[in-house]
Amino acid sequence: MVVALLLSPIATELPEIMNAIIWVRQGKTQLALANISGAMMIQATVPSGIGILFTPWLFDSALVLAGAVTMASVSYLLWHLRTHRVTAGRLSAAAGFYAVFAVGLALTL
């Protein structure tokens, strides 16, 4: 579970994140968000579908923490998108949510 929650997202999304940071710095915010959204949608549908079908649903503290931090980061990003204040720095600051999750996960295990 630790590998799935901590390492897999970094390994699979790092190229998209780096492209997004570059594109946001160039003023191509919509392109950056479309790239990340598309990559996350593909990553989320197939593995999640398999997981939903073939694993038991056991919501322990680590999974609840993952959901809470995800909702907080999505809210943060939506707020910046709606106020048209997305910058490379603010997009990079969203990585702080991942750090909070990593520390919280380490404390719960």
PDB file of N, CA and C in Angstrom:
ATOM      1  N   MET A   1       0.827  -1.181   0.000  1.00  0.00           N
ATOM      2  CA  MET A   1       0.000   0.000   0.000  1.00  0.00           C
ATOM      3  C   MET A   1       0.878   1.254   0.000  1.00  0.00           C
ATOM      4  N   VAL A   2       1.976   1.219   0.751  1.00  0.00           N
ATOM      5  CA  VAL A   2       2.859   2.389   0.802  1.00  0.00           C
ATOM      6  C   VAL A   2       3.430   2.691  -0.576  1.00  0.00           C
ATOM      7  N   VAL A   3       3.878   1.676  -1.279  1.00  0.00           N
ATOM      8  CA  VAL A   3       4.421   1.880  -2.626  1.00  0.00           C
ATOM      9  C   VAL A   3       3.347   2.426  -3.554  1.00  0.00           C
ATOM     10  N   ALA A   4       2.151   1.861  -3.456  1.00  0.00           N
ATOM     11  CA  ALA A   4       1.067   2.313  -4.328  1.00  0.00           C
ATOM     12  C   ALA A   4       0.672   3.749  -4.050  1.00  0.00           C
ATOM     13  N   LEU A   5       0.685   4.149  -2.786  1.00  0.00           N
ATOM     14  CA  LEU A   5       0.237   5.499  -2.435  1.00  0.00           C
ATOM     15  C   LEU A   5       1.340   6.557  -2.539  1.00  0.00           C
ATOM     16  N   LEU A   6       2.597   6.168  -2.389  1.00  0.00           N
ATOM     17  CA  LEU A   6       3.674   7.163  -2.399  1.00  0.00           C
ATOM     18  C   LEU A   6       4.516   7.149  -3.671  1.00  0.00           C
ATOM     19  N   LEU A   7       4.958   5.986  -4.104  1.00  0.00           N
ATOM     20  CA  LEU A   7       5.906   5.945  -5.209  1.00  0.00           C
ATOM     21  C   LEU A   7       5.261   5.909  -6.589  1.00  0.00           C
ATOM     22  N   SER A   8       4.190   5.191  -6.741  1.00  0.00           N
ATOM     23  CA  SER A   8       3.550   5.080  -8.058  1.00  0.00           C
ATOM     24  C   SER A   8       3.100   6.427  -8.623  1.00  0.00           C
ATOM     25  N   PRO A   9       2.450   7.291  -7.822  1.00  0.00           N
ATOM     26  CA  PRO A   9       2.057   8.586  -8.394  1.00  0.00           C
ATOM     27  C   PRO A   9       3.239   9.429  -8.860  1.00  0.00           C
ATOM     28  N   ILE A  10       4.339   9.369  -8.126  1.00  0.00           N
ATOM     29  CA  ILE A  10       5.514  10.146  -8.536  1.00  0.00           C
ATOM     30  C   ILE A  10       6.065   9.606  -9.849  1.00  0.00           C
ATOM     31  N   ALA A  11       6.230   8.300  -9.927  1.00  0.00           N
ATOM     32  CA  ALA A  11       6.824   7.697 -11.117  1.00  0.00           C
ATOM     33  C   ALA A  11       5.965   7.894 -12.357  1.00  0.00           C
ATOM     34  N   THR A  12       4.663   7.824 -12.200  1.00  0.00           N
ATOM     35  CA  THR A  12       3.805   7.896 -13.378  1.00  0.00           C
ATOM     36  C   THR A  12       3.455   9.322 -13.795  1.00  0.00           C
ATOM     37  N   GLU A  13       3.452  10.246 -12.875  1.00  0.00           N
ATOM     38  CA  GLU A  13       3.025  11.611 -13.191  1.00  0.00           C
ATOM     39  C   GLU A  13       4.160  12.618 -13.299  1.00  0.00           C
ATOM     40  N   LEU A  14       5.395  12.235 -12.994  1.00  0.00           N
ATOM     41  CA  LEU A  14       6.497  13.192 -13.016  1.00  0.00           C
ATOM     42  C   LEU A  14       6.708  13.845 -14.386  1.00  0.00           C
ATOM     43  N   PRO A  15       6.679  13.100 -15.489  1.00  0.00           N
ATOM     44  CA  PRO A  15       6.844  13.778 -16.786  1.00  0.00           C
ATOM     45  C   PRO A  15       5.747  14.805 -17.065  1.00  0.00           C
ATOM     46  N   GLU A  16       4.513  14.476 -16.718  1.00  0.00           N
ATOM     47  CA  GLU A  16       3.429  15.428 -16.941  1.00  0.00           C
ATOM     48  C   GLU A  16       3.579  16.663 -16.055  1.00  0.00           C
ATOM     49  N   ILE A  17       4.024  16.461 -14.841  1.00  0.00           N
ATOM     50  CA  ILE A  17       4.207  17.589 -13.922  1.00  0.00           C
ATOM     51  C   ILE A  17       5.295  18.520 -14.438  1.00  0.00           C
ATOM     52  N   MET A  18       6.392  17.951 -14.899  1.00  0.00           N
ATOM     53  CA  MET A  18       7.475  18.792 -15.410  1.00  0.00           C
ATOM     54  C   MET A  18       7.027  19.562 -16.655  1.00  0.00           C
ATOM     55  N   ASN A  19       6.296  18.903 -17.551  1.00  0.00           N
ATOM     56  CA  ASN A  19       5.759  19.611 -18.719  1.00  0.00           C
ATOM     57  C   ASN A  19       4.814  20.721 -18.284  1.00  0.00           C
ATOM     58  N   ALA A  20       3.972  20.427 -17.290  1.00  0.00           N
ATOM     59  CA  ALA A  20       3.015  21.427 -16.828  1.00  0.00           C
ATOM     60  C   ALA A  20       3.724  22.647 -16.256  1.00  0.00           C
ATOM     61  N   ILE A  21       4.762  22.432 -15.489  1.00  0.00           N
ATOM     62  CA  ILE A  21       5.504  23.566 -14.915  1.00  0.00           C
ATOM     63  C   ILE A  21       6.120  24.408 -16.027  1.00  0.00           C
ATOM     64  N   ILE A  22       6.687  23.761 -17.016  1.00  0.00           N
ATOM     65  CA  ILE A  22       7.283  24.493 -18.138  1.00  0.00           C
ATOM     66  C   ILE A  22       6.213  25.277 -18.890  1.00  0.00           C
ATOM     67  N   TRP A  23       5.077  24.629 -19.169  1.00  0.00           N
ATOM     68  CA  TRP A  23       4.014  25.293 -19.934  1.00  0.00           C
ATOM     69  C   TRP A  23       3.370  26.429 -19.151  1.00  0.00           C
ATOM     70  N   VAL A  24       3.210  26.285 -17.854  1.00  0.00           N
ATOM     71  CA  VAL A  24       2.644  27.375 -17.063  1.00  0.00           C
ATOM     72  C   VAL A  24       3.594  28.567 -17.076  1.00  0.00           C
ATOM     73  N   ARG A  25       4.881  28.317 -17.001  1.00  0.00           N
ATOM     74  CA  ARG A  25       5.853  29.417 -17.070  1.00  0.00           C
ATOM     75  C   ARG A  25       5.815  30.121 -18.415  1.00  0.00           C
ATOM     76  N   GLN A  26       5.428  29.384 -19.469  1.00  0.00           N
ATOM     77  CA  GLN A  26       5.315  29.971 -20.802  1.00  0.00           C
ATOM     78  C   GLN A  26       3.943  30.592 -21.050  1.00  0.00           C
ATOM     79  N   GLY A  27       3.055  30.523 -20.053  1.00  0.00           N
ATOM     80  CA  GLY A  27       1.728  31.093 -20.196  1.00  0.00           C
ATOM     81  C   GLY A  27       0.724  30.158 -20.851  1.00  0.00           C
ATOM     82  N   LYS A  28       1.049  28.893 -20.991  1.00  0.00           N
ATOM     83  CA  LYS A  28       0.165  27.920 -21.621  1.00  0.00           C
ATOM     84  C   LYS A  28      -0.552  27.094 -20.552  1.00  0.00           C
ATOM     85  N   THR A  29      -1.297  27.764 -19.689  1.00  0.00           N
ATOM     86  CA  THR A  29      -1.942  27.119 -18.547  1.00  0.00           C
ATOM     87  C   THR A  29      -2.944  26.065 -18.971  1.00  0.00           C
ATOM     88  N   GLN A  30      -3.744  26.352 -19.985  1.00  0.00           N
ATOM     89  CA  GLN A  30      -4.753  25.389 -20.418  1.00  0.00           C
ATOM     90  C   GLN A  30      -4.121  24.119 -20.963  1.00  0.00           C
ATOM     91  N   LEU A  31      -3.026  24.251 -21.684  1.00  0.00           N
ATOM     92  CA  LEU A  31      -2.323  23.084 -22.206  1.00  0.00           C
ATOM     93  C   LEU A  31      -1.763  22.242 -21.063  1.00  0.00           C
ATOM     94  N   ALA A  32      -1.208  22.900 -20.055  1.00  0.00           N
ATOM     95  CA  ALA A  32      -0.652  22.186 -18.907  1.00  0.00           C
ATOM     96  C   ALA A  32      -1.731  21.419 -18.158  1.00  0.00           C
ATOM     97  N   LEU A  33      -2.855  22.054 -17.928  1.00  0.00           N
ATOM     98  CA  LEU A  33      -3.931  21.396 -17.192  1.00  0.00           C
ATOM     99  C   LEU A  33      -4.576  20.273 -18.001  1.00  0.00           C
ATOM    100  N   ALA A  34      -4.679  20.463 -19.308  1.00  0.00           N
ATOM    101  CA  ALA A  34      -5.228  19.397 -20.153  1.00  0.00           C
ATOM    102  C   ALA A  34      -4.310  18.185 -20.153  1.00  0.00           C
ATOM    103  N   ASN A  35      -3.018  18.398 -20.190  1.00  0.00           N
ATOM    104  CA  ASN A  35      -2.064  17.298 -20.179  1.00  0.00           C
ATOM    105  C   ASN A  35      -2.149  16.514 -18.865  1.00  0.00           C
ATOM    106  N   ILE A  36      -2.164  17.203 -17.743  1.00  0.00           N
ATOM    107  CA  ILE A  36      -2.241  16.535 -16.450  1.00  0.00           C
ATOM    108  C   ILE A  36      -3.589  15.850 -16.281  1.00  0.00           C
ATOM    109  N   SER A  37      -4.649  16.516 -16.676  1.00  0.00           N
ATOM    110  CA  SER A  37      -5.987  15.920 -16.545  1.00  0.00           C
ATOM    111  C   SER A  37      -6.119  14.648 -17.380  1.00  0.00           C
ATOM    112  N   GLY A  38      -5.638  14.686 -18.595  1.00  0.00           N
ATOM    113  CA  GLY A  38      -5.713  13.509 -19.453  1.00  0.00           C
ATOM    114  C   GLY A  38      -4.896  12.355 -18.908  1.00  0.00           C
ATOM    115  N   ALA A  39      -3.698  12.640 -18.442  1.00  0.00           N
ATOM    116  CA  ALA A  39      -2.846  11.588 -17.901  1.00  0.00           C
ATOM    117  C   ALA A  39      -3.453  10.995 -16.631  1.00  0.00           C
ATOM    118  N   MET A  40      -3.991  11.848 -15.785  1.00  0.00           N
ATOM    119  CA  MET A  40      -4.580  11.362 -14.543  1.00  0.00           C
ATOM    120  C   MET A  40      -5.856  10.578 -14.814  1.00  0.00           C
ATOM    121  N   MET A  41      -6.611  10.978 -15.808  1.00  0.00           N
ATOM    122  CA  MET A  41      -7.848  10.268 -16.121  1.00  0.00           C
ATOM    123  C   MET A  41      -7.539   8.848 -16.587  1.00  0.00           C
ATOM    124  N   ILE A  42      -6.551   8.711 -17.453  1.00  0.00           N
ATOM    125  CA  ILE A  42      -6.178   7.377 -17.930  1.00  0.00           C
ATOM    126  C   ILE A  42      -5.623   6.544 -16.788  1.00  0.00           C
ATOM    127  N   GLN A  43      -4.773   7.153 -15.969  1.00  0.00           N
ATOM    128  CA  GLN A  43      -4.182   6.425 -14.851  1.00  0.00           C
ATOM    129  C   GLN A  43      -5.242   6.039 -13.817  1.00  0.00           C
ATOM    130  N   ALA A  44      -6.211   6.867 -13.632  1.00  0.00           N
ATOM    131  CA  ALA A  44      -7.202   6.615 -12.587  1.00  0.00           C
ATOM    132  C   ALA A  44      -8.266   5.614 -13.005  1.00  0.00           C
ATOM    133  N   THR A  45      -8.598   5.529 -14.277  1.00  0.00           N
ATOM    134  CA  THR A  45      -9.716   4.676 -14.663  1.00  0.00           C
ATOM    135  C   THR A  45      -9.377   3.194 -14.705  1.00  0.00           C
ATOM    136  N   VAL A  46      -8.312   2.821 -15.367  1.00  0.00           N
ATOM    137  CA  VAL A  46      -8.000   1.394 -15.522  1.00  0.00           C
ATOM    138  C   VAL A  46      -7.572   0.760 -14.197  1.00  0.00           C
ATOM    139  N   PRO A  47      -6.535   1.283 -13.510  1.00  0.00           N
ATOM    140  CA  PRO A  47      -6.153   0.648 -12.244  1.00  0.00           C
ATOM    141  C   PRO A  47      -7.259   0.711 -11.190  1.00  0.00           C
ATOM    142  N   SER A  48      -7.980   1.809 -11.159  1.00  0.00           N
ATOM    143  CA  SER A  48      -9.065   1.926 -10.178  1.00  0.00           C
ATOM    144  C   SER A  48     -10.172   0.938 -10.465  1.00  0.00           C
ATOM    145  N   GLY A  49     -10.500   0.772 -11.728  1.00  0.00           N
ATOM    146  CA  GLY A  49     -11.531  -0.199 -12.092  1.00  0.00           C
ATOM    147  C   GLY A  49     -11.144  -1.613 -11.689  1.00  0.00           C
ATOM    148  N   ILE A  50      -9.903  -1.963 -11.941  1.00  0.00           N
ATOM    149  CA  ILE A  50      -9.424  -3.289 -11.540  1.00  0.00           C
ATOM    150  C   ILE A  50      -9.448  -3.418 -10.022  1.00  0.00           C
ATOM    151  N   GLY A  51      -9.004  -2.366  -9.350  1.00  0.00           N
ATOM    152  CA  GLY A  51      -8.999  -2.396  -7.886  1.00  0.00           C
ATOM    153  C   GLY A  51     -10.393  -2.504  -7.298  1.00  0.00           C
ATOM    154  N   ILE A  52     -11.329  -1.804  -7.878  1.00  0.00           N
ATOM    155  CA  ILE A  52     -12.708  -1.844  -7.374  1.00  0.00           C
ATOM    156  C   ILE A  52     -13.321  -3.225  -7.586  1.00  0.00           C
ATOM    157  N   LEU A  53     -13.033  -3.834  -8.709  1.00  0.00           N
ATOM    158  CA  LEU A  53     -13.621  -5.136  -9.009  1.00  0.00           C
ATOM    159  C   LEU A  53     -13.012  -6.291  -8.216  1.00  0.00           C
ATOM    160  N   PHE A  54     -11.712  -6.246  -8.003  1.00  0.00           N
ATOM    161  CA  PHE A  54     -11.036  -7.427  -7.484  1.00  0.00           C
ATOM    162  C   PHE A  54     -10.419  -7.295  -6.092  1.00  0.00           C
ATOM    163  N   THR A  55     -10.692  -6.231  -5.389  1.00  0.00           N
ATOM    164  CA  THR A  55     -10.159  -6.098  -4.028  1.00  0.00           C
ATOM    165  C   THR A  55     -11.277  -5.738  -3.062  1.00  0.00           C
ATOM    166  N   PRO A  56     -11.109  -6.107  -1.802  1.00  0.00           N
ATOM    167  CA  PRO A  56     -12.118  -5.717  -0.813  1.00  0.00           C
ATOM    168  C   PRO A  56     -12.003  -4.230  -0.485  1.00  0.00           C
ATOM    169  N   TRP A  57     -13.094  -3.635  -0.112  1.00  0.00           N
ATOM    170  CA  TRP A  57     -13.126  -2.225   0.256  1.00  0.00           C
ATOM    171  C   TRP A  57     -12.886  -2.101   1.750  1.00  0.00           C
ATOM    172  N   LEU A  58     -11.675  -1.783   2.115  1.00  0.00           N
ATOM    173  CA  LEU A  58     -11.312  -1.600   3.513  1.00  0.00           C
ATOM    174  C   LEU A  58     -10.754  -0.189   3.688  1.00  0.00           C
ATOM    175  N   PHE A  59     -11.558   0.676   4.236  1.00  0.00           N
ATOM    176  CA  PHE A  59     -11.128   2.055   4.413  1.00  0.00           C
ATOM    177  C   PHE A  59     -10.426   2.197   5.752  1.00  0.00           C
ATOM    178  N   ASP A  60      -9.095   2.142   5.723  1.00  0.00           N
ATOM    179  CA  ASP A  60      -8.342   2.364   6.948  1.00  0.00           C
ATOM    180  C   ASP A  60      -7.900   3.821   6.989  1.00  0.00           C
ATOM    181  N   SER A  61      -7.157   4.174   7.999  1.00  0.00           N
ATOM    182  CA  SER A  61      -6.793   5.582   8.190  1.00  0.00           C
ATOM    183  C   SER A  61      -5.932   6.116   7.050  1.00  0.00           C
ATOM    184  N   ALA A  62      -5.074   5.284   6.455  1.00  0.00           N
ATOM    185  CA  ALA A  62      -4.224   5.750   5.360  1.00  0.00           C
ATOM    186  C   ALA A  62      -5.053   6.128   4.136  1.00  0.00           C
ATOM    187  N   LEU A  63      -6.073   5.351   3.831  1.00  0.00           N
ATOM    188  CA  LEU A  63      -6.900   5.658   2.659  1.00  0.00           C
ATOM    189  C   LEU A  63      -7.798   6.867   2.899  1.00  0.00           C
ATOM    190  N   VAL A  64      -8.271   7.027   4.114  1.00  0.00           N
ATOM    191  CA  VAL A  64      -9.065   8.216   4.441  1.00  0.00           C
ATOM    192  C   VAL A  64      -8.179   9.457   4.354  1.00  0.00           C
ATOM    193  N   LEU A  65      -6.944   9.353   4.837  1.00  0.00           N
ATOM    194  CA  LEU A  65      -5.992  10.464   4.739  1.00  0.00           C
ATOM    195  C   LEU A  65      -5.729  10.805   3.270  1.00  0.00           C
ATOM    196  N   ALA A  66      -5.554   9.774   2.438  1.00  0.00           N
ATOM    197  CA  ALA A  66      -5.320  10.009   1.004  1.00  0.00           C
ATOM    198  C   ALA A  66      -6.487  10.776   0.385  1.00  0.00           C
ATOM    199  N   GLY A  67      -7.697  10.377   0.710  1.00  0.00           N
ATOM    200  CA  GLY A  67      -8.872  11.074   0.173  1.00  0.00           C
ATOM    201  C   GLY A  67      -8.977  12.504   0.658  1.00  0.00           C
ATOM    202  N   ALA A  68      -8.701  12.730   1.940  1.00  0.00           N
ATOM    203  CA  ALA A  68      -8.800  14.084   2.506  1.00  0.00           C
ATOM    204  C   ALA A  68      -7.756  15.019   1.892  1.00  0.00           C
ATOM    205  N   VAL A  69      -6.535  14.543   1.762  1.00  0.00           N
ATOM    206  CA  VAL A  69      -5.480  15.381   1.177  1.00  0.00           C
ATOM    207  C   VAL A  69      -5.765  15.638  -0.304  1.00  0.00           C
ATOM    208  N   THR A  70      -6.283  14.649  -1.003  1.00  0.00           N
ATOM    209  CA  THR A  70      -6.643  14.843  -2.410  1.00  0.00           C
ATOM    210  C   THR A  70      -7.708  15.921  -2.554  1.00  0.00           C
ATOM    211  N   MET A  71      -8.737  15.860  -1.722  1.00  0.00           N
ATOM    212  CA  MET A  71      -9.795  16.878  -1.784  1.00  0.00           C
ATOM    213  C   MET A  71      -9.253  18.267  -1.462  1.00  0.00           C
ATOM    214  N   ALA A  72      -8.347  18.356  -0.495  1.00  0.00           N
ATOM    215  CA  ALA A  72      -7.754  19.652  -0.150  1.00  0.00           C
ATOM    216  C   ALA A  72      -6.929  20.199  -1.313  1.00  0.00           C
ATOM    217  N   SER A  73      -6.148  19.345  -1.966  1.00  0.00           N
ATOM    218  CA  SER A  73      -5.329  19.821  -3.083  1.00  0.00           C
ATOM    219  C   SER A  73      -6.187  20.210  -4.285  1.00  0.00           C
ATOM    220  N   VAL A  74      -7.247  19.458  -4.545  1.00  0.00           N
ATOM    221  CA  VAL A  74      -8.148  19.807  -5.644  1.00  0.00           C
ATOM    222  C   VAL A  74      -8.826  21.147  -5.368  1.00  0.00           C
ATOM    223  N   SER A  75      -9.247  21.365  -4.134  1.00  0.00           N
ATOM    224  CA  SER A  75      -9.866  22.646  -3.765  1.00  0.00           C
ATOM    225  C   SER A  75      -8.895  23.800  -3.956  1.00  0.00           C
ATOM    226  N   TYR A  76      -7.654  23.612  -3.535  1.00  0.00           N
ATOM    227  CA  TYR A  76      -6.612  24.626  -3.696  1.00  0.00           C
ATOM    228  C   TYR A  76      -6.419  24.974  -5.172  1.00  0.00           C
ATOM    229  N   LEU A  77      -6.295  23.948  -5.999  1.00  0.00           N
ATOM    230  CA  LEU A  77      -6.068  24.189  -7.423  1.00  0.00           C
ATOM    231  C   LEU A  77      -7.287  24.804  -8.103  1.00  0.00           C
ATOM    232  N   LEU A  78      -8.485  24.340  -7.758  1.00  0.00           N
ATOM    233  CA  LEU A  78      -9.693  24.933  -8.352  1.00  0.00           C
ATOM    234  C   LEU A  78      -9.840  26.400  -7.982  1.00  0.00           C
ATOM    235  N   TRP A  79      -9.510  26.735  -6.754  1.00  0.00           N
ATOM    236  CA  TRP A  79      -9.604  28.131  -6.332  1.00  0.00           C
ATOM    237  C   TRP A  79      -8.671  28.996  -7.166  1.00  0.00           C
ATOM    238  N   HIS A  80      -7.445  28.541  -7.384  1.00  0.00           N
ATOM    239  CA  HIS A  80      -6.503  29.321  -8.194  1.00  0.00           C
ATOM    240  C   HIS A  80      -6.934  29.369  -9.657  1.00  0.00           C
ATOM    241  N   LEU A  81      -7.517  28.289 -10.144  1.00  0.00           N
ATOM    242  CA  LEU A  81      -7.988  28.299 -11.530  1.00  0.00           C
ATOM    243  C   LEU A  81      -9.150  29.265 -11.720  1.00  0.00           C
ATOM    244  N   ARG A  82     -10.064  29.253 -10.803  1.00  0.00           N
ATOM    245  CA  ARG A  82     -11.246  30.125 -10.935  1.00  0.00           C
ATOM    246  C   ARG A  82     -10.925  31.600 -10.778  1.00  0.00           C
ATOM    247  N   THR A  83      -9.870  31.891 -10.014  1.00  0.00           N
ATOM    248  CA  THR A  83      -9.468  33.285  -9.838  1.00  0.00           C
ATOM    249  C   THR A  83      -8.381  33.702 -10.828  1.00  0.00           C
ATOM    250  N   HIS A  84      -8.063  32.786 -11.772  1.00  0.00           N
ATOM    251  CA  HIS A  84      -7.054  33.043 -12.815  1.00  0.00           C
ATOM    252  C   HIS A  84      -5.718  33.456 -12.208  1.00  0.00           C
ATOM    253  N   ARG A  85      -5.301  32.731 -11.183  1.00  0.00           N
ATOM    254  CA  ARG A  85      -4.037  33.048 -10.517  1.00  0.00           C
ATOM    255  C   ARG A  85      -3.084  31.860 -10.520  1.00  0.00           C
ATOM    256  N   VAL A  86      -3.151  31.003 -11.528  1.00  0.00           N
ATOM    257  CA  VAL A  86      -2.241  29.861 -11.617  1.00  0.00           C
ATOM    258  C   VAL A  86      -0.890  30.343 -12.119  1.00  0.00           C
ATOM    259  N   THR A  87       0.137  30.059 -11.362  1.00  0.00           N
ATOM    260  CA  THR A  87       1.509  30.348 -11.767  1.00  0.00           C
ATOM    261  C   THR A  87       2.335  29.092 -11.529  1.00  0.00           C
ATOM    262  N   ALA A  88       3.555  29.101 -12.038  1.00  0.00           N
ATOM    263  CA  ALA A  88       4.429  27.947 -11.832  1.00  0.00           C
ATOM    264  C   ALA A  88       4.701  27.754 -10.347  1.00  0.00           C
ATOM    265  N   GLY A  89       4.859  28.839  -9.607  1.00  0.00           N
ATOM    266  CA  GLY A  89       5.108  28.738  -8.172  1.00  0.00           C
ATOM    267  C   GLY A  89       3.924  28.154  -7.416  1.00  0.00           C
ATOM    268  N   ARG A  90       2.733  28.588  -7.745  1.00  0.00           N
ATOM    269  CA  ARG A  90       1.537  28.064  -7.069  1.00  0.00           C
ATOM    270  C   ARG A  90       1.275  26.607  -7.458  1.00  0.00           C
ATOM    271  N   LEU A  91       1.561  26.257  -8.699  1.00  0.00           N
ATOM    272  CA  LEU A  91       1.415  24.876  -9.125  1.00  0.00           C
ATOM    273  C   LEU A  91       2.441  23.993  -8.412  1.00  0.00           C
ATOM    274  N   SER A  92       3.653  24.503  -8.262  1.00  0.00           N
ATOM    275  CA  SER A  92       4.683  23.762  -7.528  1.00  0.00           C
ATOM    276  C   SER A  92       4.348  23.674  -6.048  1.00  0.00           C
ATOM    277  N   ALA A  93       3.714  24.701  -5.505  1.00  0.00           N
ATOM    278  CA  ALA A  93       3.337  24.688  -4.089  1.00  0.00           C
ATOM    279  C   ALA A  93       2.302  23.616  -3.792  1.00  0.00           C
ATOM    280  N   ALA A  94       1.563  23.206  -4.801  1.00  0.00           N
ATOM    281  CA  ALA A  94       0.591  22.135  -4.615  1.00  0.00           C
ATOM    282  C   ALA A  94       1.274  20.829  -4.243  1.00  0.00           C
ATOM    283  N   ALA A  95       2.560  20.710  -4.524  1.00  0.00           N
ATOM    284  CA  ALA A  95       3.311  19.528  -4.108  1.00  0.00           C
ATOM    285  C   ALA A  95       3.390  19.435  -2.596  1.00  0.00           C
ATOM    286  N   GLY A  96       3.146  20.543  -1.910  1.00  0.00           N
ATOM    287  CA  GLY A  96       3.124  20.524  -0.450  1.00  0.00           C
ATOM    288  C   GLY A  96       2.046  19.594   0.091  1.00  0.00           C
ATOM    289  N   PHE A  97       0.967  19.459  -0.650  1.00  0.00           N
ATOM    290  CA  PHE A  97      -0.082  18.531  -0.225  1.00  0.00           C
ATOM    291  C   PHE A  97       0.438  17.092  -0.225  1.00  0.00           C
ATOM    292  N   TYR A  98       1.273  16.797  -1.207  1.00  0.00           N
ATOM    293  CA  TYR A  98       1.863  15.454  -1.263  1.00  0.00           C
ATOM    294  C   TYR A  98       2.800  15.235  -0.073  1.00  0.00           C
ATOM    295  N   ALA A  99       3.549  16.271   0.285  1.00  0.00           N
ATOM    296  CA  ALA A  99       4.436  16.169   1.441  1.00  0.00           C
ATOM    297  C   ALA A  99       3.635  15.948   2.727  1.00  0.00           C
ATOM    298  N   VAL A 100       2.522  16.668   2.862  1.00  0.00           N
ATOM    299  CA  VAL A 100       1.652  16.482   4.024  1.00  0.00           C
ATOM    300  C   VAL A 100       1.125  15.055   4.067  1.00  0.00           C
ATOM    301  N   PHE A 101       0.749  14.542   2.896  1.00  0.00           N
ATOM    302  CA  PHE A 101       0.256  13.169   2.840  1.00  0.00           C
ATOM    303  C   PHE A 101       1.347  12.173   3.214  1.00  0.00           C
ATOM    304  N   ALA A 102       2.560  12.371   2.711  1.00  0.00           N
ATOM    305  CA  ALA A 102       3.666  11.453   3.001  1.00  0.00           C
ATOM    306  C   ALA A 102       3.967  11.408   4.498  1.00  0.00           C
ATOM    307  N   VAL A 103       3.988  12.587   5.134  1.00  0.00           N
ATOM    308  CA  VAL A 103       4.241  12.640   6.573  1.00  0.00           C
ATOM    309  C   VAL A 103       3.079  11.989   7.331  1.00  0.00           C
ATOM    310  N   GLY A 104       1.857  12.303   6.938  1.00  0.00           N
ATOM    311  CA  GLY A 104       0.697  11.691   7.584  1.00  0.00           C
ATOM    312  C   GLY A 104       0.665  10.186   7.429  1.00  0.00           C
ATOM    313  N   LEU A 105       1.057   9.699   6.267  1.00  0.00           N
ATOM    314  CA  LEU A 105       1.097   8.266   6.024  1.00  0.00           C
ATOM    315  C   LEU A 105       2.153   7.598   6.900  1.00  0.00           C
ATOM    316  N   ALA A 106       3.298   8.241   7.004  1.00  0.00           N
ATOM    317  CA  ALA A 106       4.356   7.696   7.853  1.00  0.00           C
ATOM    318  C   ALA A 106       3.909   7.626   9.321  1.00  0.00           C
ATOM    319  N   LEU A 107       3.130   8.606   9.749  1.00  0.00           N
ATOM    320  CA  LEU A 107       2.650   8.622  11.133  1.00  0.00           C
ATOM    321  C   LEU A 107       1.547   7.593  11.391  1.00  0.00           C
ATOM    322  N   THR A 108       0.761   7.280  10.362  1.00  0.00           N
ATOM    323  CA  THR A 108      -0.329   6.323  10.558  1.00  0.00           C
ATOM    324  C   THR A 108       0.142   4.881  10.480  1.00  0.00           C
ATOM    325  N   LEU A 109       1.269   4.652   9.826  1.00  0.00           N
ATOM    326  CA  LEU A 109       1.760   3.279   9.702  1.00  0.00           C
ATOM    327  C   LEU A 109       2.661   3.006  10.843  1.00  0.00           C
TER     328      LEU A 109
END
